[in-house]
Amino acid sequence: MPIYEFRCEKCGDFEKLVLGNDEVVCPSCGCAVQRIMSACNFKSAAGDFKTSGSGGASCSGCTSTSCATCH
């Protein structure tokens, strides 16, 4: 069961466990929310940890501005 990150324009970011196609609203104000891309960490073959970023920042393992194009 995945935990997703969401953004409420009024209240900010929060995480929620989502089952199936459950509709998600802000737990604080009940407004509609937008699901956002979560940053993740992974261990490279060299043994160091990398972080994928969002918002156009490249991760330390590449020069791409989108992790969708990373290895």
N, C-alpha and C. Protein backbone atom coordinates (compact mmCIF):
# COMPACT_ATOMS: atom_id res chain seq x y z
N MET A 1 0.84 -1.18 0.00
CA MET A 1 0.00 0.00 0.00
C MET A 1 0.88 1.24 0.00
N PRO A 2 0.80 2.03 -1.05
CA PRO A 2 1.70 3.17 -1.17
C PRO A 2 1.28 4.38 -0.32
N ILE A 3 2.29 5.07 0.16
CA ILE A 3 2.09 6.34 0.83
C ILE A 3 2.47 7.42 -0.17
N TYR A 4 1.54 8.31 -0.45
CA TYR A 4 1.77 9.39 -1.41
C TYR A 4 1.87 10.72 -0.68
N GLU A 5 2.53 11.67 -1.35
CA GLU A 5 2.58 13.04 -0.84
C GLU A 5 1.57 13.87 -1.61
N PHE A 6 0.90 14.76 -0.89
CA PHE A 6 -0.10 15.63 -1.48
C PHE A 6 0.17 17.06 -1.05
N ARG A 7 -0.36 18.01 -1.83
CA ARG A 7 -0.22 19.44 -1.50
C ARG A 7 -1.59 20.09 -1.50
N CYS A 8 -1.89 20.74 -0.37
CA CYS A 8 -3.09 21.57 -0.24
C CYS A 8 -2.63 23.01 -0.41
N GLU A 9 -3.32 23.77 -1.25
CA GLU A 9 -2.90 25.17 -1.46
C GLU A 9 -3.03 26.00 -0.19
N LYS A 10 -3.94 25.63 0.70
CA LYS A 10 -4.14 26.39 1.94
C LYS A 10 -3.21 25.92 3.06
N CYS A 11 -3.06 24.60 3.20
CA CYS A 11 -2.40 24.04 4.39
C CYS A 11 -0.98 23.51 4.17
N GLY A 12 -0.59 23.27 2.92
CA GLY A 12 0.75 22.77 2.66
C GLY A 12 0.76 21.29 2.33
N ASP A 13 1.93 20.66 2.50
CA ASP A 13 2.14 19.27 2.11
C ASP A 13 1.82 18.30 3.25
N PHE A 14 1.37 17.10 2.85
CA PHE A 14 1.14 16.02 3.81
C PHE A 14 1.25 14.69 3.09
N GLU A 15 1.42 13.62 3.87
CA GLU A 15 1.49 12.26 3.33
C GLU A 15 0.24 11.50 3.72
N LYS A 16 -0.17 10.55 2.85
CA LYS A 16 -1.36 9.76 3.16
C LYS A 16 -1.24 8.38 2.52
N LEU A 17 -1.62 7.37 3.26
CA LEU A 17 -1.70 6.02 2.75
C LEU A 17 -2.96 5.94 1.89
N VAL A 18 -2.82 5.53 0.63
CA VAL A 18 -3.95 5.51 -0.30
C VAL A 18 -4.25 4.07 -0.70
N LEU A 19 -5.49 3.67 -0.52
CA LEU A 19 -5.95 2.34 -0.89
C LEU A 19 -6.76 2.43 -2.18
N GLY A 20 -6.29 1.76 -3.23
CA GLY A 20 -7.02 1.76 -4.50
C GLY A 20 -7.16 3.16 -5.08
N ASN A 21 -8.38 3.49 -5.44
CA ASN A 21 -8.66 4.80 -6.05
C ASN A 21 -9.36 5.73 -5.08
N ASP A 22 -9.04 5.63 -3.80
CA ASP A 22 -9.65 6.49 -2.80
C ASP A 22 -9.44 7.96 -3.16
N GLU A 23 -10.48 8.77 -2.98
CA GLU A 23 -10.36 10.21 -3.18
C GLU A 23 -9.69 10.80 -1.95
N VAL A 24 -8.73 11.69 -2.17
CA VAL A 24 -7.98 12.28 -1.06
C VAL A 24 -8.32 13.76 -0.96
N VAL A 25 -8.61 14.21 0.24
CA VAL A 25 -8.82 15.62 0.53
C VAL A 25 -7.89 15.99 1.68
N CYS A 26 -7.67 17.27 1.86
CA CYS A 26 -6.80 17.75 2.94
C CYS A 26 -7.40 17.36 4.29
N PRO A 27 -6.60 16.73 5.16
CA PRO A 27 -7.12 16.33 6.47
C PRO A 27 -7.40 17.52 7.39
N SER A 28 -6.81 18.69 7.09
CA SER A 28 -7.01 19.86 7.94
C SER A 28 -8.24 20.67 7.56
N CYS A 29 -8.41 20.91 6.23
CA CYS A 29 -9.48 21.81 5.80
C CYS A 29 -10.51 21.15 4.89
N GLY A 30 -10.23 19.93 4.39
CA GLY A 30 -11.18 19.23 3.54
C GLY A 30 -11.17 19.65 2.09
N CYS A 31 -10.23 20.52 1.70
CA CYS A 31 -10.14 20.99 0.31
C CYS A 31 -9.55 19.91 -0.60
N ALA A 32 -9.76 20.08 -1.89
CA ALA A 32 -9.14 19.20 -2.89
C ALA A 32 -7.63 19.40 -2.84
N VAL A 33 -6.89 18.35 -3.16
CA VAL A 33 -5.43 18.40 -3.10
C VAL A 33 -4.85 17.89 -4.41
N GLN A 34 -3.56 18.14 -4.59
CA GLN A 34 -2.83 17.68 -5.77
C GLN A 34 -1.75 16.73 -5.30
N ARG A 35 -1.64 15.56 -5.96
CA ARG A 35 -0.57 14.62 -5.63
C ARG A 35 0.73 15.17 -6.19
N ILE A 36 1.80 15.12 -5.41
CA ILE A 36 3.09 15.64 -5.84
C ILE A 36 4.12 14.53 -5.91
N MET A 37 5.17 14.76 -6.67
CA MET A 37 6.25 13.79 -6.82
C MET A 37 7.10 13.79 -5.56
N SER A 38 7.30 12.63 -4.99
CA SER A 38 8.11 12.50 -3.79
C SER A 38 9.58 12.33 -4.16
N ALA A 39 10.45 12.90 -3.38
CA ALA A 39 11.88 12.64 -3.54
C ALA A 39 12.17 11.28 -2.94
N CYS A 40 13.07 10.54 -3.51
CA CYS A 40 13.39 9.22 -2.96
C CYS A 40 14.91 9.08 -2.86
N ASN A 41 15.34 8.18 -2.03
CA ASN A 41 16.75 7.88 -1.86
C ASN A 41 17.01 6.46 -2.36
N PHE A 42 18.19 6.24 -2.89
CA PHE A 42 18.57 4.89 -3.28
C PHE A 42 20.07 4.75 -3.13
N LYS A 43 20.50 3.51 -2.97
CA LYS A 43 21.92 3.24 -2.80
C LYS A 43 22.49 2.84 -4.16
N SER A 44 23.55 3.53 -4.59
CA SER A 44 24.15 3.25 -5.89
C SER A 44 25.06 2.02 -5.81
N ALA A 45 25.50 1.55 -6.95
CA ALA A 45 26.40 0.41 -7.01
C ALA A 45 27.71 0.70 -6.28
N ALA A 46 28.10 1.98 -6.22
CA ALA A 46 29.33 2.37 -5.54
C ALA A 46 29.15 2.39 -4.02
N GLY A 47 27.91 2.22 -3.55
CA GLY A 47 27.67 2.16 -2.11
C GLY A 47 27.28 3.49 -1.48
N ASP A 48 27.23 4.56 -2.27
CA ASP A 48 26.81 5.84 -1.70
C ASP A 48 25.33 6.05 -1.96
N PHE A 49 24.73 6.95 -1.20
CA PHE A 49 23.30 7.20 -1.33
C PHE A 49 23.07 8.39 -2.24
N LYS A 50 22.07 8.27 -3.10
CA LYS A 50 21.67 9.32 -4.03
C LYS A 50 20.26 9.75 -3.66
N THR A 51 19.91 10.97 -3.99
CA THR A 51 18.57 11.47 -3.76
C THR A 51 18.03 12.00 -5.06
N SER A 52 16.83 11.54 -5.42
CA SER A 52 16.18 12.13 -6.58
C SER A 52 15.50 13.39 -6.11
N GLY A 53 15.49 14.39 -6.91
CA GLY A 53 14.88 15.65 -6.53
C GLY A 53 13.74 16.00 -7.43
N SER A 54 12.97 16.99 -7.04
CA SER A 54 11.92 17.52 -7.90
C SER A 54 12.14 19.00 -8.01
N GLY A 55 11.41 19.63 -8.89
CA GLY A 55 11.53 21.07 -9.05
C GLY A 55 12.72 21.48 -9.89
N GLY A 56 13.23 20.58 -10.73
CA GLY A 56 14.29 20.95 -11.65
C GLY A 56 15.69 20.80 -11.11
N ALA A 57 15.86 20.39 -9.89
CA ALA A 57 17.21 20.21 -9.35
C ALA A 57 17.75 18.85 -9.76
N SER A 58 18.95 18.81 -10.24
CA SER A 58 19.51 17.52 -10.63
C SER A 58 20.06 16.80 -9.40
N CYS A 59 20.04 15.48 -9.46
CA CYS A 59 20.57 14.71 -8.33
C CYS A 59 22.10 14.65 -8.45
N SER A 60 22.75 14.21 -7.42
CA SER A 60 24.21 14.24 -7.41
C SER A 60 24.82 13.23 -8.37
N GLY A 61 24.03 12.29 -8.88
CA GLY A 61 24.57 11.27 -9.76
C GLY A 61 24.51 11.60 -11.23
N CYS A 62 23.86 12.71 -11.62
CA CYS A 62 23.75 13.03 -13.04
C CYS A 62 23.58 14.53 -13.23
N THR A 63 23.48 14.94 -14.48
CA THR A 63 23.29 16.36 -14.77
C THR A 63 21.90 16.65 -15.30
N SER A 64 21.03 15.65 -15.33
CA SER A 64 19.67 15.83 -15.84
C SER A 64 18.86 16.66 -14.87
N THR A 65 17.89 17.40 -15.38
CA THR A 65 16.98 18.15 -14.51
C THR A 65 15.70 17.36 -14.28
N SER A 66 15.60 16.16 -14.82
CA SER A 66 14.43 15.31 -14.61
C SER A 66 14.90 13.90 -14.29
N CYS A 67 14.48 13.37 -13.16
CA CYS A 67 14.89 12.01 -12.80
C CYS A 67 14.26 10.97 -13.69
N ALA A 68 13.27 11.35 -14.50
CA ALA A 68 12.69 10.42 -15.45
C ALA A 68 13.70 10.03 -16.51
N THR A 69 14.74 10.85 -16.71
CA THR A 69 15.75 10.55 -17.72
C THR A 69 17.00 9.95 -17.12
N CYS A 70 17.04 9.81 -15.79
CA CYS A 70 18.21 9.20 -15.13
C CYS A 70 18.23 7.70 -15.40
N HIS A 71 19.33 7.07 -15.11
CA HIS A 71 19.51 5.63 -15.32
C HIS A 71 18.59 4.86 -14.43
